[in-house]
Amino acid sequence: MSGFRGIWLSLLSDAVAAARAVLRDLDPPEIPASVRKVAAYSGGRLPPPLSASLLAELDRNEWLRAKTTEDWEGDPASASSLFLQRPDGWWLTLAEMVQEESNRQEEAAIDQLRRDVEEAEGKVRSAGDKTAELKKKLAREKKKAKEAAAAVRRSLEARHTAAATELARARAEARHLEQRLEQVEVEHRELQDSFDGLRTRLARARRLRLDTPAGSQTSRSVPSDPVKLARLLDLQTAAYGRSPQLAEPEGPTEPPSLSLEAGVRPDSSDAIRWLLGLDRPVVVVVDGYNAQFHINRDDFTSGASRRAMVDALQRLRAAATSPHRLVVVYDSTLPGERIARSAQRGVEVRFAEKDLIADEEIVAMAEELDEAVVISSDREVREGAEAGGAVVLWSEALRDWLQRA
């Protein structure tokens, strides 16, 4: 149980307990069919799937909700009380509670990452100190070996056997220390790589943590189903970036060799149709996970989602007037299979190089290519790609075109 679903079930645990008590007092014929498994469950705390089923039944069954409310003696300001009694504006207050708990958990996750980074830094420093100490010890042992060899040479006839034994021992110790030093240096490099990875993850966590715009929902746009509401809040937290606007030039500039047709919004399907109608081939670079998030927010990091993206881009290329080259770029630190593929019917799959993220690789490609079109709704990617001379279309444009194609 994780994410917004876990927050939702945690906030409404008192309502679940009260509803279970009501079910225990009902006769079998009175128990709704959808919660008979809940009524039959004899354990302690309900498993998350059963809790979700009971909450869904409470949401749609006014009779069961009224029975539960009759026996309710909990805090009237609690999330469970709001869910059961449903005063005016209850869902807005409940959504704020869920959002506050989500923010608290995000802060806790970032704090944990920060502690992990600090711990990694300490290990790196410790490994560095140990390496320096072993180097000093190795230098002392080598010096001892040289001194022993000199002593052997000075008294070769009298102490030949003893000196030879001492020399062999010193050399063996030196070899052992050299091997140990190599091991410590390897450990040092591994710790450094781990530290760099943690630092990258912390940077991404800070970038992805953005506030949900206030006042952007109405009673018509927020679902009453608790599970659907939790998913809606999850998507609001993931969404970020400015509303697309057509920028006005600040002064006379030389028109770029490739530019979006006047009056066409970069977030509309018309922008994709403009791309399809170009009379010459260009390189189209797609921010993979960003585009997949806007196309299918329920599953946008799996291998199946990436294969669906390749199929969609092949459809895009097949519909184009010119044979565009399409490249889709992914982060290499997210879950799912990571198989980079050569171009298949004009679509190439790439994963960001080690210590880089897809955003940086996309911006670098935009700077290197003469004529490129970048598809992403990430603000930093858009700004970096435009600074590199690329035309930027939004992921929403690709989504809308695919839905209408």
Protein backbone atom coordinates (compact mmCIF):
# COMPACT_ATOMS: atom_id res chain seq x y z
CA MET A 1 0.00 0.00 0.00
CA SER A 2 1.71 3.17 -1.15
CA GLY A 3 1.16 6.61 -2.63
CA PHE A 4 -2.17 8.42 -2.55
CA ARG A 5 -4.16 5.19 -2.16
CA GLY A 6 -2.32 4.47 1.09
CA ILE A 7 -2.93 8.04 2.30
CA TRP A 8 -6.61 7.76 1.43
CA LEU A 9 -7.13 4.46 3.28
CA SER A 10 -5.16 5.75 6.27
CA LEU A 11 -7.25 8.93 6.59
CA LEU A 12 -10.53 6.98 6.35
CA SER A 13 -9.55 4.09 8.65
CA ASP A 14 -12.06 5.21 11.32
CA ALA A 15 -14.88 5.21 8.75
CA VAL A 16 -13.85 1.69 7.69
CA ALA A 17 -13.90 0.49 11.31
CA ALA A 18 -17.34 2.03 11.93
CA ALA A 19 -18.75 0.45 8.75
CA ARG A 20 -17.35 -2.96 9.74
CA ALA A 21 -19.16 -2.68 13.07
CA VAL A 22 -22.43 -1.94 11.24
CA LEU A 23 -21.92 -4.96 8.93
CA ARG A 24 -21.47 -7.24 11.94
CA ASP A 25 -24.91 -6.19 13.24
CA LEU A 26 -26.72 -6.75 9.91
CA ASP A 27 -28.54 -9.92 8.95
CA PRO A 28 -26.92 -11.76 5.99
CA PRO A 29 -29.66 -10.74 3.49
CA GLU A 30 -29.11 -7.07 4.42
CA ILE A 31 -25.39 -7.13 3.59
CA PRO A 32 -24.65 -5.66 0.10
CA ALA A 33 -23.10 -8.21 -2.28
CA SER A 34 -19.98 -6.10 -2.92
CA VAL A 35 -18.92 -6.18 0.76
CA ARG A 36 -19.81 -9.74 1.74
CA LYS A 37 -16.12 -10.65 1.73
CA VAL A 38 -15.52 -7.71 4.08
CA ALA A 39 -18.28 -8.91 6.43
CA ALA A 40 -16.87 -12.45 6.36
CA TYR A 41 -13.33 -11.33 7.13
CA SER A 42 -12.52 -12.33 10.71
CA GLY A 43 -9.00 -10.98 11.01
CA GLY A 44 -7.88 -7.72 12.57
CA ARG A 45 -7.12 -4.82 10.22
CA LEU A 46 -8.71 -5.18 6.78
CA PRO A 47 -6.33 -5.71 3.82
CA PRO A 48 -6.17 -2.65 1.52
CA PRO A 49 -8.30 -4.22 -1.31
CA LEU A 50 -11.14 -5.01 1.15
CA SER A 51 -10.90 -1.55 2.73
CA ALA A 52 -11.13 0.03 -0.73
CA SER A 53 -14.20 -2.11 -1.56
CA LEU A 54 -15.93 -1.07 1.69
CA LEU A 55 -15.18 2.64 1.08
CA ALA A 56 -16.52 2.38 -2.47
CA GLU A 57 -19.75 0.79 -1.18
CA LEU A 58 -20.09 3.50 1.50
CA ASP A 59 -19.67 6.15 -1.18
CA ARG A 60 -22.45 4.87 -3.43
CA ASN A 61 -24.79 3.23 -0.85
CA GLU A 62 -26.59 6.03 1.03
CA TRP A 63 -28.44 3.52 3.24
CA LEU A 64 -25.21 1.89 4.47
CA ARG A 65 -23.58 5.30 4.90
CA ALA A 66 -26.57 6.52 6.93
CA LYS A 67 -26.44 3.41 9.15
CA THR A 68 -22.74 4.01 9.75
CA THR A 69 -23.30 7.73 10.46
CA GLU A 70 -25.97 6.90 13.08
CA ASP A 71 -23.38 5.04 15.17
CA TRP A 72 -20.58 7.54 14.48
CA GLU A 73 -19.00 9.00 17.61
CA GLY A 74 -15.68 10.14 16.22
CA ASP A 75 -14.13 13.57 15.76
CA PRO A 76 -16.54 15.66 13.61
CA ALA A 77 -13.56 17.44 12.02
CA SER A 78 -11.83 14.20 10.99
CA ALA A 79 -11.57 12.91 7.42
CA SER A 80 -13.81 9.94 8.26
CA SER A 81 -16.53 12.28 9.65
CA LEU A 82 -16.40 14.43 6.49
CA PHE A 83 -16.64 11.33 4.27
CA LEU A 84 -19.64 9.92 6.18
CA GLN A 85 -21.64 13.09 6.98
CA ARG A 86 -20.74 15.03 3.80
CA PRO A 87 -21.41 18.65 4.73
CA ASP A 88 -21.17 21.36 2.07
CA GLY A 89 -17.68 21.46 0.58
CA TRP A 90 -16.65 18.24 2.31
CA TRP A 91 -14.71 16.92 -0.65
CA LEU A 92 -12.55 20.08 -0.89
CA THR A 93 -11.59 19.82 2.78
CA LEU A 94 -10.90 16.11 2.36
CA ALA A 95 -8.75 16.74 -0.72
CA GLU A 96 -6.73 19.30 1.25
CA MET A 97 -6.15 16.72 4.00
CA VAL A 98 -4.92 14.19 1.46
CA GLN A 99 -2.65 16.80 -0.17
CA GLU A 100 -1.20 17.88 3.18
CA GLU A 101 -0.40 14.26 4.09
CA SER A 102 1.15 13.71 0.64
CA ASN A 103 3.36 16.79 1.06
CA ARG A 104 4.44 15.58 4.48
CA GLN A 105 5.45 12.19 3.08
CA GLU A 106 7.32 13.86 0.19
CA GLU A 107 9.26 15.99 2.65
CA ALA A 108 10.08 12.85 4.66
CA ALA A 109 11.30 11.08 1.50
CA ILE A 110 13.51 14.02 0.55
CA ASP A 111 14.90 14.18 4.09
CA GLN A 112 15.73 10.46 3.88
CA LEU A 113 17.52 10.97 0.56
CA ARG A 114 19.47 13.84 2.11
CA ARG A 115 20.49 11.61 5.02
CA ASP A 116 21.54 8.90 2.57
CA VAL A 117 23.68 11.42 0.69
CA GLU A 118 25.32 12.57 3.92
CA GLU A 119 25.98 8.95 4.93
CA ALA A 120 27.51 8.24 1.51
CA GLU A 121 29.71 11.32 1.83
CA GLY A 122 30.93 10.05 5.20
CA LYS A 123 31.77 6.65 3.72
CA VAL A 124 33.64 8.29 0.85
CA ARG A 125 35.69 10.35 3.29
CA SER A 126 36.35 7.28 5.43
CA ALA A 127 37.47 5.30 2.39
CA GLY A 128 39.76 8.16 1.37
CA ASP A 129 41.32 8.25 4.84
CA LYS A 130 41.83 4.48 4.80
CA THR A 131 43.45 4.69 1.37
CA ALA A 132 45.87 7.36 2.56
CA GLU A 133 46.71 5.33 5.67
CA LEU A 134 47.42 2.20 3.63
CA LYS A 135 49.60 4.18 1.23
CA LYS A 136 51.68 5.42 4.18
CA LYS A 137 51.94 1.91 5.57
CA LEU A 138 52.97 0.59 2.17
CA ALA A 139 55.66 3.27 1.93
CA ARG A 140 56.98 2.28 5.36
CA GLU A 141 57.04 -1.41 4.46
CA LYS A 142 58.83 -0.70 1.19
CA LYS A 143 61.35 1.33 3.11
CA LYS A 144 61.83 -1.55 5.53
CA ALA A 145 62.31 -3.93 2.61
CA LYS A 146 65.01 -1.70 1.15
CA GLU A 147 66.75 -1.42 4.50
CA ALA A 148 66.58 -5.20 4.96
CA ALA A 149 68.10 -5.70 1.52
CA ALA A 150 70.91 -3.30 2.35
CA ALA A 151 71.57 -5.18 5.60
CA VAL A 152 71.71 -8.45 3.68
CA ARG A 153 74.25 -7.01 1.28
CA ARG A 154 76.42 -5.70 4.12
CA SER A 155 76.50 -9.03 5.96
CA LEU A 156 75.88 -11.48 3.14
CA GLU A 157 78.29 -14.17 4.30
CA ALA A 158 77.40 -14.07 8.02
CA ARG A 159 73.64 -13.61 7.83
CA HIS A 160 72.71 -14.79 4.38
CA THR A 161 69.88 -17.18 5.41
CA ALA A 162 68.26 -14.89 8.01
CA ALA A 163 68.46 -11.82 5.76
CA ALA A 164 66.98 -13.69 2.80
CA THR A 165 64.06 -14.84 4.97
CA GLU A 166 63.43 -11.30 6.23
CA LEU A 167 63.60 -9.92 2.71
CA ALA A 168 61.07 -12.50 1.46
CA ARG A 169 58.74 -11.70 4.36
CA ALA A 170 58.95 -7.98 3.70
CA ARG A 171 58.24 -8.46 0.01
CA ALA A 172 55.26 -10.71 0.76
CA GLU A 173 53.88 -8.10 3.14
CA ALA A 174 54.38 -5.42 0.50
CA ARG A 175 52.53 -7.51 -2.09
CA HIS A 176 49.70 -8.09 0.39
CA LEU A 177 49.43 -4.38 1.10
CA GLU A 178 49.45 -3.56 -2.63
CA GLN A 179 46.56 -5.99 -3.16
CA ARG A 180 44.69 -4.51 -0.23
CA LEU A 181 45.31 -1.01 -1.58
CA GLU A 182 43.84 -2.01 -4.94
CA GLN A 183 40.76 -3.41 -3.18
CA VAL A 184 40.29 -0.22 -1.16
CA GLU A 185 40.64 1.91 -4.30
CA VAL A 186 37.93 -0.17 -6.00
CA GLU A 187 35.68 0.26 -2.95
CA HIS A 188 36.44 3.96 -3.02
CA ARG A 189 35.34 4.24 -6.66
CA GLU A 190 32.17 2.22 -5.99
CA LEU A 191 31.27 4.47 -3.06
CA GLN A 192 31.90 7.53 -5.23
CA ASP A 193 29.56 6.15 -7.93
CA SER A 194 26.90 5.43 -5.29
CA PHE A 195 27.26 8.94 -3.92
CA ASP A 196 26.89 10.46 -7.40
CA GLY A 197 23.75 8.38 -8.03
CA LEU A 198 22.18 9.49 -4.74
CA ARG A 199 22.97 13.11 -5.54
CA THR A 200 21.25 12.76 -8.94
CA ARG A 201 18.18 11.17 -7.33
CA LEU A 202 17.98 13.98 -4.78
CA ALA A 203 18.16 16.57 -7.56
CA ARG A 204 15.31 14.87 -9.46
CA ALA A 205 13.21 14.60 -6.31
CA ARG A 206 13.59 18.33 -5.72
CA ARG A 207 12.69 19.13 -9.34
CA LEU A 208 9.62 16.89 -9.42
CA ARG A 209 8.19 18.24 -6.11
CA LEU A 210 5.89 21.04 -7.26
CA ASP A 211 2.72 22.41 -5.64
CA THR A 212 -0.71 21.55 -7.09
CA PRO A 213 -2.39 24.72 -8.46
CA ALA A 214 -5.04 25.94 -5.99
CA GLY A 215 -8.62 26.45 -7.08
CA SER A 216 -8.24 24.51 -10.31
CA GLN A 217 -11.09 22.02 -9.54
CA THR A 218 -14.87 22.38 -9.28
CA SER A 219 -17.52 20.12 -7.85
CA ARG A 220 -18.25 18.90 -11.38
CA SER A 221 -14.61 17.96 -12.16
CA VAL A 222 -13.78 16.12 -8.90
CA PRO A 223 -15.16 12.53 -8.72
CA SER A 224 -17.04 11.39 -5.63
CA ASP A 225 -15.51 7.91 -5.74
CA PRO A 226 -12.71 7.91 -3.11
CA VAL A 227 -10.32 5.79 -5.18
CA LYS A 228 -10.83 7.99 -8.26
CA LEU A 229 -10.36 11.13 -6.15
CA ALA A 230 -7.07 9.78 -4.80
CA ARG A 231 -5.88 9.12 -8.36
CA LEU A 232 -6.92 12.65 -9.40
CA LEU A 233 -4.89 14.17 -6.56
CA ASP A 234 -1.93 11.99 -7.54
CA LEU A 235 -2.03 13.28 -11.11
CA GLN A 236 -2.35 16.89 -9.91
CA THR A 237 0.82 16.47 -7.87
CA ALA A 238 2.70 15.02 -10.89
CA ALA A 239 1.59 17.83 -13.25
CA TYR A 240 3.85 20.89 -13.58
CA GLY A 241 4.97 23.59 -15.98
CA ARG A 242 3.43 26.79 -17.28
CA SER A 243 0.37 27.05 -19.50
CA PRO A 244 1.47 27.14 -23.15
CA GLN A 245 1.47 30.59 -24.66
CA LEU A 246 2.66 31.96 -27.98
CA ALA A 247 5.65 34.12 -27.11
CA GLU A 248 5.88 37.53 -28.73
CA PRO A 249 9.36 38.49 -30.04
CA GLU A 250 10.98 41.24 -28.04
CA GLY A 251 12.82 42.76 -31.00
CA PRO A 252 13.91 42.16 -34.60
CA THR A 253 15.68 38.84 -34.88
CA GLU A 254 16.76 36.67 -37.76
CA PRO A 255 14.03 34.03 -38.37
CA PRO A 256 15.21 30.47 -37.63
CA SER A 257 15.54 27.99 -40.47
CA LEU A 258 12.83 25.85 -38.85
CA SER A 259 9.97 27.41 -36.89
CA LEU A 260 6.42 26.56 -35.90
CA GLU A 261 3.74 27.95 -38.19
CA ALA A 262 2.29 31.23 -36.94
CA GLY A 263 -0.90 30.83 -34.90
CA VAL A 264 -0.29 27.18 -34.09
CA ARG A 265 -0.09 26.41 -30.37
CA PRO A 266 2.74 24.01 -29.43
CA ASP A 267 0.38 22.00 -27.18
CA SER A 268 -2.27 21.36 -29.86
CA SER A 269 -2.65 18.51 -32.35
CA ASP A 270 -2.25 21.15 -35.09
CA ALA A 271 1.42 21.35 -34.09
CA ILE A 272 1.85 17.64 -34.89
CA ARG A 273 0.06 18.12 -38.21
CA TRP A 274 2.51 20.95 -38.96
CA LEU A 275 5.37 18.52 -38.27
CA LEU A 276 3.83 15.87 -40.52
CA GLY A 277 3.51 18.36 -43.35
CA LEU A 278 7.15 19.53 -43.43
CA ASP A 279 8.65 19.24 -46.91
CA ARG A 280 12.05 18.04 -45.64
CA PRO A 281 13.15 15.43 -43.09
CA VAL A 282 14.16 16.59 -39.60
CA VAL A 283 15.23 14.85 -36.37
CA VAL A 284 12.37 14.52 -33.85
CA VAL A 285 13.57 13.97 -30.24
CA VAL A 286 10.89 12.76 -27.79
CA ASP A 287 11.15 13.02 -23.99
CA GLY A 288 10.02 9.41 -23.43
CA TYR A 289 8.72 9.29 -19.86
CA ASN A 290 7.26 12.79 -20.07
CA ALA A 291 5.27 11.94 -23.23
CA GLN A 292 4.15 8.59 -21.82
CA PHE A 293 2.96 10.29 -18.61
CA HIS A 294 0.63 12.54 -20.61
CA ILE A 295 -0.60 9.66 -22.82
CA ASN A 296 -1.21 7.07 -20.05
CA ARG A 297 -0.68 8.34 -16.50
CA ASP A 298 -1.64 5.02 -14.92
CA ASP A 299 1.33 3.21 -16.50
CA PHE A 300 4.11 5.33 -17.96
CA THR A 301 7.40 3.73 -16.77
CA SER A 302 6.99 0.07 -17.74
CA GLY A 303 8.55 -1.75 -20.67
CA ALA A 304 5.06 -2.24 -22.16
CA SER A 305 4.52 1.54 -22.09
CA ARG A 306 7.83 2.11 -23.90
CA ARG A 307 6.92 -0.44 -26.58
CA ALA A 308 3.57 1.33 -27.05
CA MET A 309 5.46 4.62 -27.46
CA VAL A 310 7.64 3.14 -30.23
CA ASP A 311 4.49 1.89 -32.03
CA ALA A 312 2.90 5.35 -31.72
CA LEU A 313 6.01 7.08 -33.14
CA GLN A 314 6.11 4.62 -36.04
CA ARG A 315 2.53 5.64 -36.81
CA LEU A 316 3.62 9.28 -36.65
CA ARG A 317 6.50 8.70 -39.07
CA ALA A 318 4.29 6.72 -41.45
CA ALA A 319 1.86 9.66 -41.61
CA ALA A 320 4.60 12.25 -42.30
CA THR A 321 5.26 13.73 -45.74
CA SER A 322 9.03 13.46 -45.23
CA PRO A 323 11.02 10.53 -43.74
CA HIS A 324 11.75 12.08 -40.35
CA ARG A 325 14.23 10.43 -37.98
CA LEU A 326 12.59 9.86 -34.57
CA VAL A 327 14.61 9.37 -31.36
CA VAL A 328 12.92 8.66 -28.01
CA VAL A 329 15.13 9.20 -24.93
CA TYR A 330 14.59 7.71 -21.44
CA ASP A 331 16.23 8.03 -18.04
CA SER A 332 18.32 4.94 -17.19
CA THR A 333 17.48 5.11 -13.44
CA LEU A 334 13.76 4.31 -13.63
CA PRO A 335 12.26 0.78 -13.42
CA GLY A 336 11.48 -1.56 -16.32
CA GLU A 337 13.62 -3.30 -18.92
CA ARG A 338 16.38 -1.09 -20.41
CA ILE A 339 17.10 -2.35 -23.91
CA ALA A 340 18.37 0.35 -26.25
CA ARG A 341 17.30 -0.46 -29.80
CA SER A 342 18.65 0.61 -33.14
CA ALA A 343 16.25 2.38 -35.46
CA GLN A 344 13.16 0.32 -36.22
CA ARG A 345 11.21 1.79 -39.10
CA GLY A 346 12.73 5.18 -38.32
CA VAL A 347 12.36 5.10 -34.48
CA GLU A 348 15.47 4.87 -32.27
CA VAL A 349 15.29 4.11 -28.51
CA ARG A 350 17.99 5.63 -26.28
CA PHE A 351 18.69 5.63 -22.55
CA ALA A 352 20.59 8.48 -20.87
CA GLU A 353 24.28 7.86 -20.31
CA LYS A 354 25.57 7.07 -16.82
CA ASP A 355 25.40 10.08 -14.42
CA LEU A 356 23.05 11.92 -16.83
CA ILE A 357 19.29 12.23 -17.02
CA ALA A 358 17.19 12.21 -20.15
CA ASP A 359 16.56 15.98 -19.85
CA GLU A 360 20.27 16.75 -20.19
CA GLU A 361 20.76 14.39 -23.13
CA ILE A 362 17.76 15.85 -24.99
CA VAL A 363 19.04 19.42 -24.54
CA ALA A 364 22.52 18.33 -25.70
CA MET A 365 21.04 16.74 -28.84
CA ALA A 366 19.04 19.89 -29.57
CA GLU A 367 22.26 21.93 -29.44
CA GLU A 368 24.14 19.54 -31.72
CA LEU A 369 21.49 19.06 -34.45
CA ASP A 370 20.99 21.60 -37.23
CA GLU A 371 17.23 21.13 -37.46
CA ALA A 372 15.43 19.37 -34.64
CA VAL A 373 11.94 19.17 -33.16
CA VAL A 374 11.75 18.29 -29.45
CA ILE A 375 8.52 16.90 -27.91
CA SER A 376 8.30 17.50 -24.13
CA SER A 377 6.16 19.33 -21.56
CA ASP A 378 9.04 19.63 -19.08
CA ARG A 379 9.77 23.33 -18.66
CA GLU A 380 13.55 22.96 -18.33
CA VAL A 381 13.71 20.68 -21.37
CA ARG A 382 11.63 23.12 -23.41
CA GLU A 383 13.70 26.13 -22.44
CA GLY A 384 17.02 24.32 -22.94
CA ALA A 385 15.99 22.88 -26.32
CA GLU A 386 14.71 26.24 -27.58
CA ALA A 387 17.96 27.86 -26.47
CA GLY A 388 19.76 25.20 -28.53
CA GLY A 389 17.79 26.16 -31.65
CA ALA A 390 15.16 23.40 -31.68
CA VAL A 391 11.42 23.80 -32.26
CA VAL A 392 9.58 22.53 -29.17
CA LEU A 393 6.17 20.87 -29.22
CA TRP A 394 4.36 19.79 -26.07
CA SER A 395 3.59 16.19 -25.10
CA GLU A 396 -0.12 17.12 -24.97
CA ALA A 397 0.04 17.81 -28.72
CA LEU A 398 1.28 14.25 -29.40
CA ARG A 399 -1.38 12.83 -27.06
CA ASP A 400 -4.22 14.71 -28.77
CA TRP A 401 -2.98 13.75 -32.24
CA LEU A 402 -2.79 10.06 -31.29
CA GLN A 403 -6.32 10.18 -29.86
CA ARG A 404 -7.69 11.70 -33.07
CA ALA A 405 -5.54 9.83 -35.60
